[in-house]
N, C-alpha and C. Protein backbone atom coordinates (compact mmCIF):
# COMPACT_ATOMS: atom_id res chain seq x y z
N MET A 1 28.86 25.85 24.04
CA MET A 1 29.43 25.42 22.77
C MET A 1 28.80 26.23 21.65
N LYS A 2 29.63 26.61 20.67
CA LYS A 2 29.16 27.38 19.52
C LYS A 2 29.09 26.48 18.30
N TYR A 3 28.14 26.79 17.42
CA TYR A 3 27.88 25.96 16.25
C TYR A 3 27.94 26.77 14.97
N LEU A 4 28.28 26.07 13.87
CA LEU A 4 28.22 26.60 12.52
C LEU A 4 27.15 25.81 11.79
N PHE A 5 26.07 26.47 11.41
CA PHE A 5 24.94 25.81 10.75
C PHE A 5 25.03 25.97 9.25
N ASP A 6 24.88 24.85 8.52
CA ASP A 6 24.73 24.99 7.08
C ASP A 6 23.26 25.23 6.78
N SER A 7 22.93 25.49 5.52
CA SER A 7 21.56 25.88 5.18
C SER A 7 20.55 24.77 5.45
N SER A 8 20.97 23.51 5.30
CA SER A 8 20.02 22.42 5.57
C SER A 8 19.61 22.41 7.03
N ALA A 9 20.54 22.69 7.92
CA ALA A 9 20.24 22.72 9.35
C ALA A 9 19.45 23.97 9.74
N VAL A 10 19.77 25.11 9.11
CA VAL A 10 19.00 26.33 9.37
C VAL A 10 17.55 26.12 8.96
N PHE A 11 17.34 25.56 7.77
CA PHE A 11 15.98 25.35 7.28
C PHE A 11 15.22 24.38 8.18
N LYS A 12 15.87 23.31 8.62
CA LYS A 12 15.21 22.36 9.50
C LYS A 12 14.86 23.01 10.84
N ALA A 13 15.76 23.82 11.37
CA ALA A 13 15.48 24.52 12.64
C ALA A 13 14.27 25.44 12.49
N ILE A 14 14.16 26.10 11.36
CA ILE A 14 13.00 26.96 11.11
C ILE A 14 11.73 26.12 11.02
N LYS A 15 11.78 25.04 10.23
CA LYS A 15 10.60 24.18 10.06
C LYS A 15 10.14 23.57 11.38
N GLU A 16 11.09 23.23 12.24
CA GLU A 16 10.76 22.58 13.51
C GLU A 16 10.60 23.58 14.66
N ASN A 17 10.60 24.86 14.32
CA ASN A 17 10.45 25.93 15.32
C ASN A 17 11.49 25.82 16.43
N LYS A 18 12.74 25.57 16.04
CA LYS A 18 13.86 25.51 16.97
C LYS A 18 14.81 26.68 16.71
N ILE A 19 14.23 27.82 16.47
CA ILE A 19 14.97 29.00 16.05
C ILE A 19 15.95 29.48 17.12
N GLU A 20 15.62 29.27 18.39
CA GLU A 20 16.47 29.77 19.48
C GLU A 20 17.89 29.22 19.40
N ILE A 21 18.07 28.01 18.86
CA ILE A 21 19.40 27.43 18.76
C ILE A 21 20.26 28.18 17.74
N LEU A 22 19.63 28.87 16.81
CA LEU A 22 20.37 29.61 15.78
C LEU A 22 20.91 30.94 16.29
N VAL A 23 20.18 31.56 17.21
CA VAL A 23 20.51 32.91 17.68
C VAL A 23 21.91 32.94 18.29
N GLY A 24 22.75 33.83 17.77
CA GLY A 24 24.11 33.99 18.28
C GLY A 24 25.11 32.97 17.76
N ASN A 25 24.63 31.98 17.02
CA ASN A 25 25.53 31.01 16.42
C ASN A 25 25.88 31.45 15.00
N TYR A 26 26.60 30.61 14.28
CA TYR A 26 27.23 31.01 13.03
C TYR A 26 26.64 30.31 11.81
N THR A 27 26.76 30.99 10.69
CA THR A 27 26.53 30.40 9.37
C THR A 27 27.42 31.16 8.40
N LEU A 28 27.49 30.68 7.18
CA LEU A 28 28.28 31.37 6.16
C LEU A 28 27.38 32.24 5.31
N GLU A 29 27.97 33.24 4.66
CA GLU A 29 27.22 34.10 3.77
C GLU A 29 26.50 33.29 2.68
N LEU A 30 27.06 32.15 2.33
CA LEU A 30 26.46 31.27 1.31
C LEU A 30 25.06 30.81 1.71
N ALA A 31 24.80 30.70 2.99
CA ALA A 31 23.51 30.19 3.47
C ALA A 31 22.35 31.07 3.02
N ARG A 32 22.57 32.36 2.95
CA ARG A 32 21.51 33.28 2.52
C ARG A 32 21.00 32.89 1.13
N TYR A 33 21.92 32.59 0.23
CA TYR A 33 21.56 32.23 -1.14
C TYR A 33 20.97 30.83 -1.21
N GLU A 34 21.57 29.91 -0.47
CA GLU A 34 21.05 28.55 -0.46
C GLU A 34 19.64 28.49 0.14
N LEU A 35 19.40 29.25 1.20
CA LEU A 35 18.05 29.29 1.79
C LEU A 35 17.06 29.91 0.81
N GLY A 36 17.50 30.90 0.06
CA GLY A 36 16.66 31.46 -0.99
C GLY A 36 16.30 30.41 -2.02
N ASN A 37 17.26 29.58 -2.39
CA ASN A 37 16.99 28.49 -3.33
C ASN A 37 16.03 27.47 -2.75
N ILE A 38 16.18 27.17 -1.46
CA ILE A 38 15.26 26.23 -0.81
C ILE A 38 13.84 26.77 -0.84
N LEU A 39 13.68 28.05 -0.51
CA LEU A 39 12.34 28.66 -0.56
C LEU A 39 11.79 28.62 -1.97
N TRP A 40 12.62 28.98 -2.94
CA TRP A 40 12.18 28.97 -4.34
C TRP A 40 11.75 27.57 -4.75
N LYS A 41 12.59 26.58 -4.47
CA LYS A 41 12.31 25.20 -4.87
C LYS A 41 11.05 24.65 -4.20
N ASN A 42 10.92 24.88 -2.90
CA ASN A 42 9.81 24.29 -2.15
C ASN A 42 8.50 25.05 -2.26
N PHE A 43 8.57 26.33 -2.54
CA PHE A 43 7.34 27.12 -2.51
C PHE A 43 7.03 27.81 -3.83
N ALA A 44 7.95 28.57 -4.37
CA ALA A 44 7.68 29.34 -5.59
C ALA A 44 7.63 28.44 -6.81
N PHE A 45 8.67 27.63 -7.01
CA PHE A 45 8.76 26.78 -8.20
C PHE A 45 7.62 25.78 -8.26
N GLN A 46 7.27 25.21 -7.13
CA GLN A 46 6.20 24.22 -7.10
C GLN A 46 4.83 24.84 -6.83
N ALA A 47 4.77 26.16 -6.81
CA ALA A 47 3.52 26.92 -6.63
C ALA A 47 2.75 26.46 -5.39
N LYS A 48 3.48 26.25 -4.29
CA LYS A 48 2.84 25.82 -3.04
C LYS A 48 2.50 27.01 -2.14
N ALA A 49 2.83 28.21 -2.59
CA ALA A 49 2.55 29.40 -1.78
C ALA A 49 2.25 30.57 -2.71
N THR A 50 1.50 31.51 -2.20
CA THR A 50 1.20 32.73 -2.97
C THR A 50 2.42 33.64 -2.93
N ASP A 51 2.42 34.64 -3.79
CA ASP A 51 3.51 35.61 -3.79
C ASP A 51 3.65 36.27 -2.43
N GLU A 52 2.54 36.58 -1.80
CA GLU A 52 2.57 37.22 -0.48
C GLU A 52 3.16 36.29 0.57
N GLU A 53 2.80 35.01 0.52
CA GLU A 53 3.34 34.04 1.47
C GLU A 53 4.85 33.86 1.28
N ILE A 54 5.29 33.87 0.03
CA ILE A 54 6.72 33.74 -0.26
C ILE A 54 7.47 34.94 0.30
N LYS A 55 6.90 36.13 0.15
CA LYS A 55 7.53 37.34 0.71
C LYS A 55 7.65 37.23 2.23
N ILE A 56 6.62 36.72 2.86
CA ILE A 56 6.64 36.56 4.32
C ILE A 56 7.71 35.55 4.73
N LEU A 57 7.79 34.43 4.01
CA LEU A 57 8.81 33.42 4.31
C LEU A 57 10.21 33.99 4.14
N ALA A 58 10.42 34.74 3.08
CA ALA A 58 11.74 35.35 2.84
C ALA A 58 12.09 36.33 3.96
N LYS A 59 11.10 37.08 4.41
CA LYS A 59 11.33 38.04 5.49
C LYS A 59 11.69 37.32 6.79
N ILE A 60 11.02 36.22 7.06
CA ILE A 60 11.31 35.42 8.26
C ILE A 60 12.75 34.89 8.22
N VAL A 61 13.14 34.34 7.07
CA VAL A 61 14.50 33.82 6.92
C VAL A 61 15.51 34.96 7.13
N LYS A 62 15.24 36.10 6.54
CA LYS A 62 16.14 37.25 6.69
C LYS A 62 16.27 37.66 8.16
N GLN A 63 15.16 37.72 8.86
CA GLN A 63 15.18 38.10 10.28
C GLN A 63 15.97 37.09 11.11
N ILE A 64 15.80 35.82 10.81
CA ILE A 64 16.53 34.79 11.55
C ILE A 64 18.03 34.88 11.26
N LEU A 65 18.39 35.05 10.00
CA LEU A 65 19.81 35.18 9.67
C LEU A 65 20.43 36.41 10.32
N ASN A 66 19.64 37.45 10.50
CA ASN A 66 20.14 38.66 11.16
C ASN A 66 20.45 38.44 12.64
N THR A 67 19.97 37.35 13.22
CA THR A 67 20.29 37.03 14.63
C THR A 67 21.55 36.17 14.74
N MET A 68 22.08 35.77 13.59
CA MET A 68 23.24 34.89 13.56
C MET A 68 24.50 35.66 13.19
N GLU A 69 25.63 35.08 13.51
CA GLU A 69 26.92 35.63 13.08
C GLU A 69 27.18 35.08 11.68
N ILE A 70 27.34 35.98 10.71
CA ILE A 70 27.54 35.57 9.31
C ILE A 70 29.03 35.67 8.98
N ILE A 71 29.61 34.56 8.56
CA ILE A 71 31.03 34.50 8.20
C ILE A 71 31.16 34.71 6.69
N GLN A 72 32.01 35.66 6.31
CA GLN A 72 32.32 35.90 4.90
C GLN A 72 33.45 34.96 4.49
N ILE A 73 33.39 34.40 3.29
CA ILE A 73 34.41 33.43 2.90
C ILE A 73 35.57 34.05 2.12
N SER A 74 35.54 35.33 1.89
CA SER A 74 36.58 35.96 1.07
C SER A 74 37.96 35.76 1.70
N CYS A 75 38.94 35.68 0.84
CA CYS A 75 40.36 35.56 1.19
C CYS A 75 40.79 34.16 1.63
N ASN A 76 39.91 33.20 1.65
CA ASN A 76 40.30 31.84 2.05
C ASN A 76 39.97 30.81 0.98
N GLU A 77 39.78 31.26 -0.23
CA GLU A 77 39.38 30.34 -1.30
C GLU A 77 40.39 29.23 -1.54
N GLU A 78 41.68 29.54 -1.48
CA GLU A 78 42.71 28.52 -1.72
C GLU A 78 42.66 27.42 -0.66
N GLU A 79 42.54 27.83 0.59
CA GLU A 79 42.49 26.86 1.68
C GLU A 79 41.23 25.99 1.59
N ILE A 80 40.12 26.62 1.23
CA ILE A 80 38.85 25.88 1.09
C ILE A 80 38.96 24.87 -0.04
N LEU A 81 39.58 25.27 -1.14
CA LEU A 81 39.76 24.36 -2.27
C LEU A 81 40.62 23.16 -1.88
N GLN A 82 41.63 23.38 -1.04
CA GLN A 82 42.46 22.28 -0.55
C GLN A 82 41.64 21.30 0.29
N VAL A 83 40.76 21.83 1.14
CA VAL A 83 39.88 20.98 1.95
C VAL A 83 38.96 20.17 1.03
N ALA A 84 38.41 20.83 0.01
CA ALA A 84 37.51 20.14 -0.93
C ALA A 84 38.23 18.98 -1.61
N ALA A 85 39.46 19.21 -2.05
CA ALA A 85 40.22 18.16 -2.72
C ALA A 85 40.56 17.02 -1.76
N LYS A 86 40.99 17.38 -0.55
CA LYS A 86 41.39 16.37 0.44
C LYS A 86 40.21 15.48 0.84
N LEU A 87 39.05 16.10 1.10
CA LEU A 87 37.89 15.34 1.59
C LEU A 87 36.96 14.86 0.48
N LYS A 88 37.28 15.27 -0.76
CA LYS A 88 36.45 14.90 -1.92
C LYS A 88 35.00 15.36 -1.75
N ILE A 89 34.87 16.65 -1.42
CA ILE A 89 33.56 17.29 -1.25
C ILE A 89 33.53 18.57 -2.08
N THR A 90 32.35 19.12 -2.26
CA THR A 90 32.22 20.34 -3.05
C THR A 90 32.88 21.52 -2.34
N PHE A 91 33.18 22.55 -3.11
CA PHE A 91 33.73 23.78 -2.54
C PHE A 91 32.76 24.35 -1.52
N TYR A 92 31.48 24.30 -1.85
CA TYR A 92 30.44 24.80 -0.94
C TYR A 92 30.54 24.08 0.41
N ASP A 93 30.53 22.75 0.39
CA ASP A 93 30.61 21.98 1.64
C ASP A 93 31.95 22.19 2.34
N ALA A 94 33.01 22.28 1.55
CA ALA A 94 34.35 22.48 2.12
C ALA A 94 34.45 23.81 2.85
N SER A 95 33.71 24.81 2.39
CA SER A 95 33.76 26.10 3.07
C SER A 95 33.22 25.97 4.49
N TYR A 96 32.18 25.18 4.67
CA TYR A 96 31.66 24.94 6.02
C TYR A 96 32.66 24.15 6.86
N ALA A 97 33.24 23.11 6.27
CA ALA A 97 34.23 22.30 6.99
C ALA A 97 35.43 23.14 7.40
N TYR A 98 35.91 23.96 6.49
CA TYR A 98 37.07 24.81 6.75
C TYR A 98 36.81 25.76 7.92
N TYR A 99 35.68 26.47 7.88
CA TYR A 99 35.41 27.44 8.93
C TYR A 99 35.05 26.78 10.26
N ALA A 100 34.44 25.62 10.22
CA ALA A 100 34.19 24.90 11.48
C ALA A 100 35.52 24.61 12.17
N ASN A 101 36.49 24.13 11.40
CA ASN A 101 37.80 23.82 11.97
C ASN A 101 38.56 25.06 12.41
N THR A 102 38.64 26.06 11.55
CA THR A 102 39.48 27.22 11.87
C THR A 102 38.89 28.07 13.00
N LYS A 103 37.59 28.04 13.18
CA LYS A 103 36.96 28.83 14.24
C LYS A 103 36.60 27.99 15.47
N GLY A 104 36.92 26.71 15.44
CA GLY A 104 36.65 25.85 16.59
C GLY A 104 35.17 25.63 16.84
N LEU A 105 34.40 25.53 15.77
CA LEU A 105 32.95 25.36 15.86
C LEU A 105 32.56 23.94 15.48
N THR A 106 31.41 23.51 15.95
CA THR A 106 30.84 22.24 15.52
C THR A 106 29.91 22.52 14.36
N LEU A 107 30.14 21.85 13.24
CA LEU A 107 29.28 22.02 12.06
C LEU A 107 27.99 21.25 12.27
N ILE A 108 26.87 21.92 12.05
CA ILE A 108 25.56 21.27 12.14
C ILE A 108 24.99 21.21 10.73
N THR A 109 24.71 19.99 10.27
CA THR A 109 24.19 19.77 8.92
C THR A 109 23.19 18.62 8.95
N GLU A 110 22.27 18.64 8.03
CA GLU A 110 21.34 17.52 7.87
C GLU A 110 21.76 16.62 6.72
N ASP A 111 22.90 16.89 6.14
CA ASP A 111 23.42 16.14 5.00
C ASP A 111 24.22 14.93 5.50
N SER A 112 23.59 13.77 5.53
CA SER A 112 24.23 12.55 6.05
C SER A 112 25.46 12.17 5.24
N GLN A 113 25.38 12.36 3.94
CA GLN A 113 26.51 12.03 3.08
C GLN A 113 27.72 12.92 3.40
N LEU A 114 27.47 14.20 3.62
CA LEU A 114 28.54 15.11 4.00
C LEU A 114 29.14 14.70 5.34
N LEU A 115 28.29 14.38 6.30
CA LEU A 115 28.79 13.95 7.62
C LEU A 115 29.73 12.76 7.49
N ARG A 116 29.36 11.78 6.68
CA ARG A 116 30.22 10.60 6.50
C ARG A 116 31.59 10.98 5.93
N LYS A 117 31.60 11.94 5.02
CA LYS A 117 32.86 12.31 4.37
C LYS A 117 33.77 13.16 5.25
N ILE A 118 33.19 14.00 6.10
CA ILE A 118 34.02 14.93 6.86
C ILE A 118 34.45 14.43 8.24
N LEU A 119 33.68 13.50 8.80
CA LEU A 119 34.08 12.93 10.09
C LEU A 119 35.22 11.97 9.86
N PRO A 120 36.26 11.91 10.59
CA PRO A 120 36.57 12.59 11.84
C PRO A 120 37.38 13.88 11.66
N HIS A 121 37.52 14.37 10.44
CA HIS A 121 38.34 15.56 10.18
C HIS A 121 37.71 16.84 10.73
N VAL A 122 36.39 16.84 10.85
CA VAL A 122 35.66 18.03 11.28
C VAL A 122 34.68 17.61 12.36
N LYS A 123 34.60 18.38 13.43
CA LYS A 123 33.60 18.12 14.46
C LYS A 123 32.25 18.51 13.88
N ALA A 124 31.34 17.55 13.77
CA ALA A 124 30.06 17.80 13.10
C ALA A 124 28.96 16.93 13.69
N SER A 125 27.73 17.38 13.50
CA SER A 125 26.58 16.69 14.06
C SER A 125 25.32 17.11 13.31
N LYS A 126 24.20 16.49 13.68
CA LYS A 126 22.90 16.86 13.13
C LYS A 126 22.15 17.71 14.15
N LEU A 127 21.16 18.45 13.67
CA LEU A 127 20.38 19.33 14.54
C LEU A 127 19.76 18.56 15.70
N GLY A 128 19.21 17.39 15.43
CA GLY A 128 18.57 16.59 16.47
C GLY A 128 19.51 16.18 17.60
N ASP A 129 20.81 16.16 17.31
CA ASP A 129 21.79 15.80 18.34
C ASP A 129 22.04 16.92 19.34
N ILE A 130 21.66 18.14 18.99
CA ILE A 130 21.93 19.27 19.89
C ILE A 130 20.67 19.96 20.40
N THR A 131 19.51 19.46 19.99
CA THR A 131 18.24 20.05 20.44
C THR A 131 17.36 19.00 21.07
N LYS A 132 16.47 19.47 21.89
CA LYS A 132 15.49 18.57 22.50
C LYS A 132 14.37 18.33 21.50
N PRO A 133 13.80 17.13 21.49
CA PRO A 133 12.68 16.87 20.58
C PRO A 133 11.49 17.77 20.92
N THR A 134 10.78 18.21 19.86
CA THR A 134 9.58 19.00 20.09
C THR A 134 8.41 18.08 20.36
N LYS A 135 7.49 18.55 21.18
CA LYS A 135 6.33 17.73 21.54
C LYS A 135 5.23 17.89 20.54
């Protein structure tokens, strides 16, 4: 089975050292920017890491994303906007829902509120549902 990971699920997989589940699976080009925001918010903005540590974290995220299939959202903006309106979700979230459906992928997200809104229209789950617990 193939999966489409949103940035919340990618970040959790990295934090929990479950990187192998990401390799060869999918994410959207948007994830690169959202993961950058997560790093900025959690480390740079709150000064929880040095500049050198932030560079290392960014490099790790880049390397992990390079092992994934990155889907570009260009040319489908109208369809994504229709999904957003129908499901009453953001354009960002709708882009994941749209591509999960059109590519026959299961969306993996840690956003419980999003899961409630998109099920049963989109096959979706949380990271913990597809991975074994770490010891």
